[in-house]
Amino acid sequence: MNEWIAEMGTFLVQTTIVMALIGLGLLLVARTKQEKESDLKLYIEPLNDQRRRRVRRLRLTAALPGGRKSC
């Protein structure tokens, strides 16, 4: 009986370690994916701002002198 309890304990410890390692692996993958997505957002937002500024400058340049106040 003692041998069975020792083997069951060893099995449970090994299973717990394997599950913890799998959980850590999934956590690392999710964290890496989240960091990559946030990096993309940081680059996209400044590009959108640059595009808006260029469009506004083009409109001001192409507008008639009296129409510049409306933009």
N, C-alpha and C. Protein backbone atom coordinates (compact mmCIF):
# COMPACT_ATOMS: atom_id res chain seq x y z
N MET A 1 0.81 -1.20 0.00
CA MET A 1 0.00 0.00 0.00
C MET A 1 0.86 1.27 0.00
N ASN A 2 1.93 1.25 0.79
CA ASN A 2 2.80 2.42 0.84
C ASN A 2 3.48 2.66 -0.51
N GLU A 3 3.83 1.58 -1.18
CA GLU A 3 4.47 1.71 -2.49
C GLU A 3 3.52 2.36 -3.49
N TRP A 4 2.24 1.96 -3.44
CA TRP A 4 1.25 2.53 -4.36
C TRP A 4 1.06 4.03 -4.09
N ILE A 5 1.03 4.42 -2.82
CA ILE A 5 0.87 5.83 -2.47
C ILE A 5 2.09 6.63 -2.94
N ALA A 6 3.28 6.06 -2.80
CA ALA A 6 4.50 6.74 -3.25
C ALA A 6 4.48 6.90 -4.77
N GLU A 7 4.08 5.87 -5.49
CA GLU A 7 4.01 5.98 -6.96
C GLU A 7 2.95 6.98 -7.40
N MET A 8 1.81 6.97 -6.70
CA MET A 8 0.75 7.93 -7.04
C MET A 8 1.22 9.36 -6.77
N GLY A 9 1.92 9.57 -5.68
CA GLY A 9 2.47 10.90 -5.37
C GLY A 9 3.46 11.35 -6.41
N THR A 10 4.34 10.44 -6.83
CA THR A 10 5.32 10.76 -7.87
C THR A 10 4.63 11.11 -9.18
N PHE A 11 3.61 10.35 -9.52
CA PHE A 11 2.85 10.62 -10.75
C PHE A 11 2.19 12.00 -10.68
N LEU A 12 1.58 12.31 -9.55
CA LEU A 12 0.91 13.61 -9.41
C LEU A 12 1.90 14.77 -9.48
N VAL A 13 3.07 14.62 -8.88
CA VAL A 13 4.09 15.66 -8.93
C VAL A 13 4.57 15.85 -10.36
N GLN A 14 4.83 14.75 -11.07
CA GLN A 14 5.29 14.85 -12.46
C GLN A 14 4.22 15.49 -13.34
N THR A 15 2.97 15.09 -13.14
CA THR A 15 1.87 15.65 -13.92
C THR A 15 1.73 17.15 -13.65
N THR A 16 1.86 17.54 -12.40
CA THR A 16 1.77 18.96 -12.04
C THR A 16 2.89 19.75 -12.69
N ILE A 17 4.10 19.22 -12.69
CA ILE A 17 5.23 19.91 -13.31
C ILE A 17 5.01 20.07 -14.82
N VAL A 18 4.56 19.02 -15.48
CA VAL A 18 4.32 19.08 -16.92
C VAL A 18 3.22 20.11 -17.23
N MET A 19 2.15 20.12 -16.46
CA MET A 19 1.06 21.08 -16.69
C MET A 19 1.54 22.51 -16.45
N ALA A 20 2.38 22.70 -15.43
CA ALA A 20 2.92 24.04 -15.16
C ALA A 20 3.80 24.50 -16.32
N LEU A 21 4.62 23.62 -16.86
CA LEU A 21 5.48 23.98 -18.00
C LEU A 21 4.65 24.33 -19.24
N ILE A 22 3.61 23.56 -19.47
CA ILE A 22 2.72 23.85 -20.61
C ILE A 22 2.05 25.21 -20.41
N GLY A 23 1.59 25.48 -19.19
CA GLY A 23 0.96 26.77 -18.89
C GLY A 23 1.92 27.93 -19.08
N LEU A 24 3.17 27.76 -18.63
CA LEU A 24 4.18 28.81 -18.82
C LEU A 24 4.46 29.03 -20.30
N GLY A 25 4.52 27.95 -21.06
CA GLY A 25 4.74 28.09 -22.50
C GLY A 25 3.62 28.86 -23.17
N LEU A 26 2.38 28.54 -22.83
CA LEU A 26 1.25 29.26 -23.40
C LEU A 26 1.25 30.73 -22.98
N LEU A 27 1.63 30.99 -21.75
CA LEU A 27 1.70 32.36 -21.26
C LEU A 27 2.76 33.16 -22.02
N LEU A 28 3.90 32.55 -22.26
CA LEU A 28 4.96 33.23 -23.00
C LEU A 28 4.54 33.51 -24.45
N VAL A 29 3.87 32.57 -25.07
CA VAL A 29 3.42 32.76 -26.45
C VAL A 29 2.39 33.90 -26.50
N ALA A 30 1.46 33.91 -25.56
CA ALA A 30 0.43 34.96 -25.54
C ALA A 30 1.07 36.32 -25.28
N ARG A 31 2.04 36.36 -24.39
CA ARG A 31 2.69 37.64 -24.08
C ARG A 31 3.48 38.16 -25.28
N THR A 32 4.18 37.28 -25.96
CA THR A 32 4.95 37.67 -27.14
C THR A 32 4.03 38.19 -28.24
N LYS A 33 2.92 37.51 -28.43
CA LYS A 33 1.95 37.94 -29.44
C LYS A 33 1.38 39.30 -29.09
N GLN A 34 1.08 39.53 -27.83
CA GLN A 34 0.53 40.81 -27.41
C GLN A 34 1.55 41.93 -27.60
N GLU A 35 2.81 41.67 -27.31
CA GLU A 35 3.85 42.68 -27.50
C GLU A 35 4.01 43.03 -28.97
N LYS A 36 3.94 42.03 -29.84
CA LYS A 36 4.07 42.29 -31.28
C LYS A 36 2.91 43.15 -31.77
N GLU A 37 1.70 42.87 -31.28
CA GLU A 37 0.54 43.65 -31.70
C GLU A 37 0.64 45.09 -31.23
N SER A 38 1.12 45.30 -30.02
CA SER A 38 1.24 46.67 -29.52
C SER A 38 2.32 47.43 -30.28
N ASP A 39 3.39 46.75 -30.70
CA ASP A 39 4.41 47.40 -31.51
C ASP A 39 3.84 47.87 -32.84
N LEU A 40 2.99 47.07 -33.45
CA LEU A 40 2.38 47.44 -34.72
C LEU A 40 1.51 48.68 -34.55
N LYS A 41 0.76 48.77 -33.50
CA LYS A 41 -0.10 49.91 -33.26
C LYS A 41 0.71 51.19 -33.11
N LEU A 42 1.86 51.09 -32.45
CA LEU A 42 2.69 52.27 -32.26
C LEU A 42 3.21 52.82 -33.58
N TYR A 43 3.46 51.95 -34.53
CA TYR A 43 3.94 52.41 -35.83
C TYR A 43 2.80 52.90 -36.71
N ILE A 44 1.64 52.29 -36.61
CA ILE A 44 0.52 52.67 -37.47
C ILE A 44 -0.02 54.04 -37.10
N GLU A 45 -0.15 54.32 -35.83
CA GLU A 45 -0.73 55.60 -35.41
C GLU A 45 0.09 56.80 -35.89
N PRO A 46 1.42 56.80 -35.75
CA PRO A 46 2.17 57.93 -36.30
C PRO A 46 2.05 58.04 -37.82
N LEU A 47 1.96 56.90 -38.51
CA LEU A 47 1.80 56.96 -39.96
C LEU A 47 0.47 57.59 -40.34
N ASN A 48 -0.59 57.26 -39.60
CA ASN A 48 -1.89 57.87 -39.87
C ASN A 48 -1.84 59.37 -39.60
N ASP A 49 -1.16 59.77 -38.53
CA ASP A 49 -1.03 61.20 -38.23
C ASP A 49 -0.26 61.92 -39.33
N GLN A 50 0.81 61.30 -39.83
CA GLN A 50 1.59 61.91 -40.92
C GLN A 50 0.72 62.06 -42.16
N ARG A 51 -0.07 61.04 -42.46
CA ARG A 51 -0.93 61.11 -43.64
C ARG A 51 -1.95 62.23 -43.50
N ARG A 52 -2.54 62.35 -42.33
CA ARG A 52 -3.53 63.42 -42.12
C ARG A 52 -2.90 64.81 -42.28
N ARG A 53 -1.67 64.97 -41.75
CA ARG A 53 -1.00 66.27 -41.89
C ARG A 53 -0.69 66.57 -43.36
N ARG A 54 -0.26 65.55 -44.10
CA ARG A 54 0.04 65.77 -45.53
C ARG A 54 -1.21 66.13 -46.31
N VAL A 55 -2.29 65.43 -46.03
CA VAL A 55 -3.55 65.72 -46.72
C VAL A 55 -4.01 67.14 -46.41
N ARG A 56 -3.89 67.53 -45.15
CA ARG A 56 -4.30 68.88 -44.77
C ARG A 56 -3.42 69.93 -45.47
N ARG A 57 -2.10 69.68 -45.52
CA ARG A 57 -1.21 70.63 -46.20
C ARG A 57 -1.53 70.72 -47.69
N LEU A 58 -1.84 69.59 -48.32
CA LEU A 58 -2.18 69.61 -49.73
C LEU A 58 -3.47 70.39 -49.97
N ARG A 59 -4.45 70.18 -49.08
CA ARG A 59 -5.70 70.94 -49.22
C ARG A 59 -5.47 72.43 -49.06
N LEU A 60 -4.64 72.81 -48.08
CA LEU A 60 -4.34 74.23 -47.88
C LEU A 60 -3.59 74.81 -49.08
N THR A 61 -2.67 74.04 -49.63
CA THR A 61 -1.89 74.51 -50.77
C THR A 61 -2.77 74.66 -52.01
N ALA A 62 -3.68 73.71 -52.22
CA ALA A 62 -4.52 73.72 -53.41
C ALA A 62 -5.71 74.67 -53.27
N ALA A 63 -6.02 75.08 -52.06
CA ALA A 63 -7.20 75.93 -51.85
C ALA A 63 -6.95 77.34 -52.34
N LEU A 64 -8.01 78.01 -52.64
CA LEU A 64 -7.91 79.42 -53.00
C LEU A 64 -7.52 80.21 -51.76
N PRO A 65 -6.90 81.36 -51.94
CA PRO A 65 -6.45 82.14 -50.77
C PRO A 65 -7.58 82.42 -49.78
N GLY A 66 -8.78 82.67 -50.24
CA GLY A 66 -9.90 82.96 -49.34
C GLY A 66 -10.47 81.70 -48.71
N GLY A 67 -10.25 80.55 -49.30
CA GLY A 67 -10.82 79.32 -48.81
C GLY A 67 -9.98 78.59 -47.78
N ARG A 68 -8.82 79.11 -47.48
CA ARG A 68 -7.92 78.44 -46.55
C ARG A 68 -8.44 78.44 -45.13
N LYS A 69 -9.27 79.38 -44.78
CA LYS A 69 -9.77 79.48 -43.41
C LYS A 69 -10.76 78.37 -43.10
N SER A 70 -11.35 77.73 -44.10
CA SER A 70 -12.38 76.72 -43.86
C SER A 70 -11.81 75.36 -43.48
N CYS A 71 -10.53 75.11 -43.72
CA CYS A 71 -9.96 73.79 -43.40
C CYS A 71 -9.60 73.65 -41.98
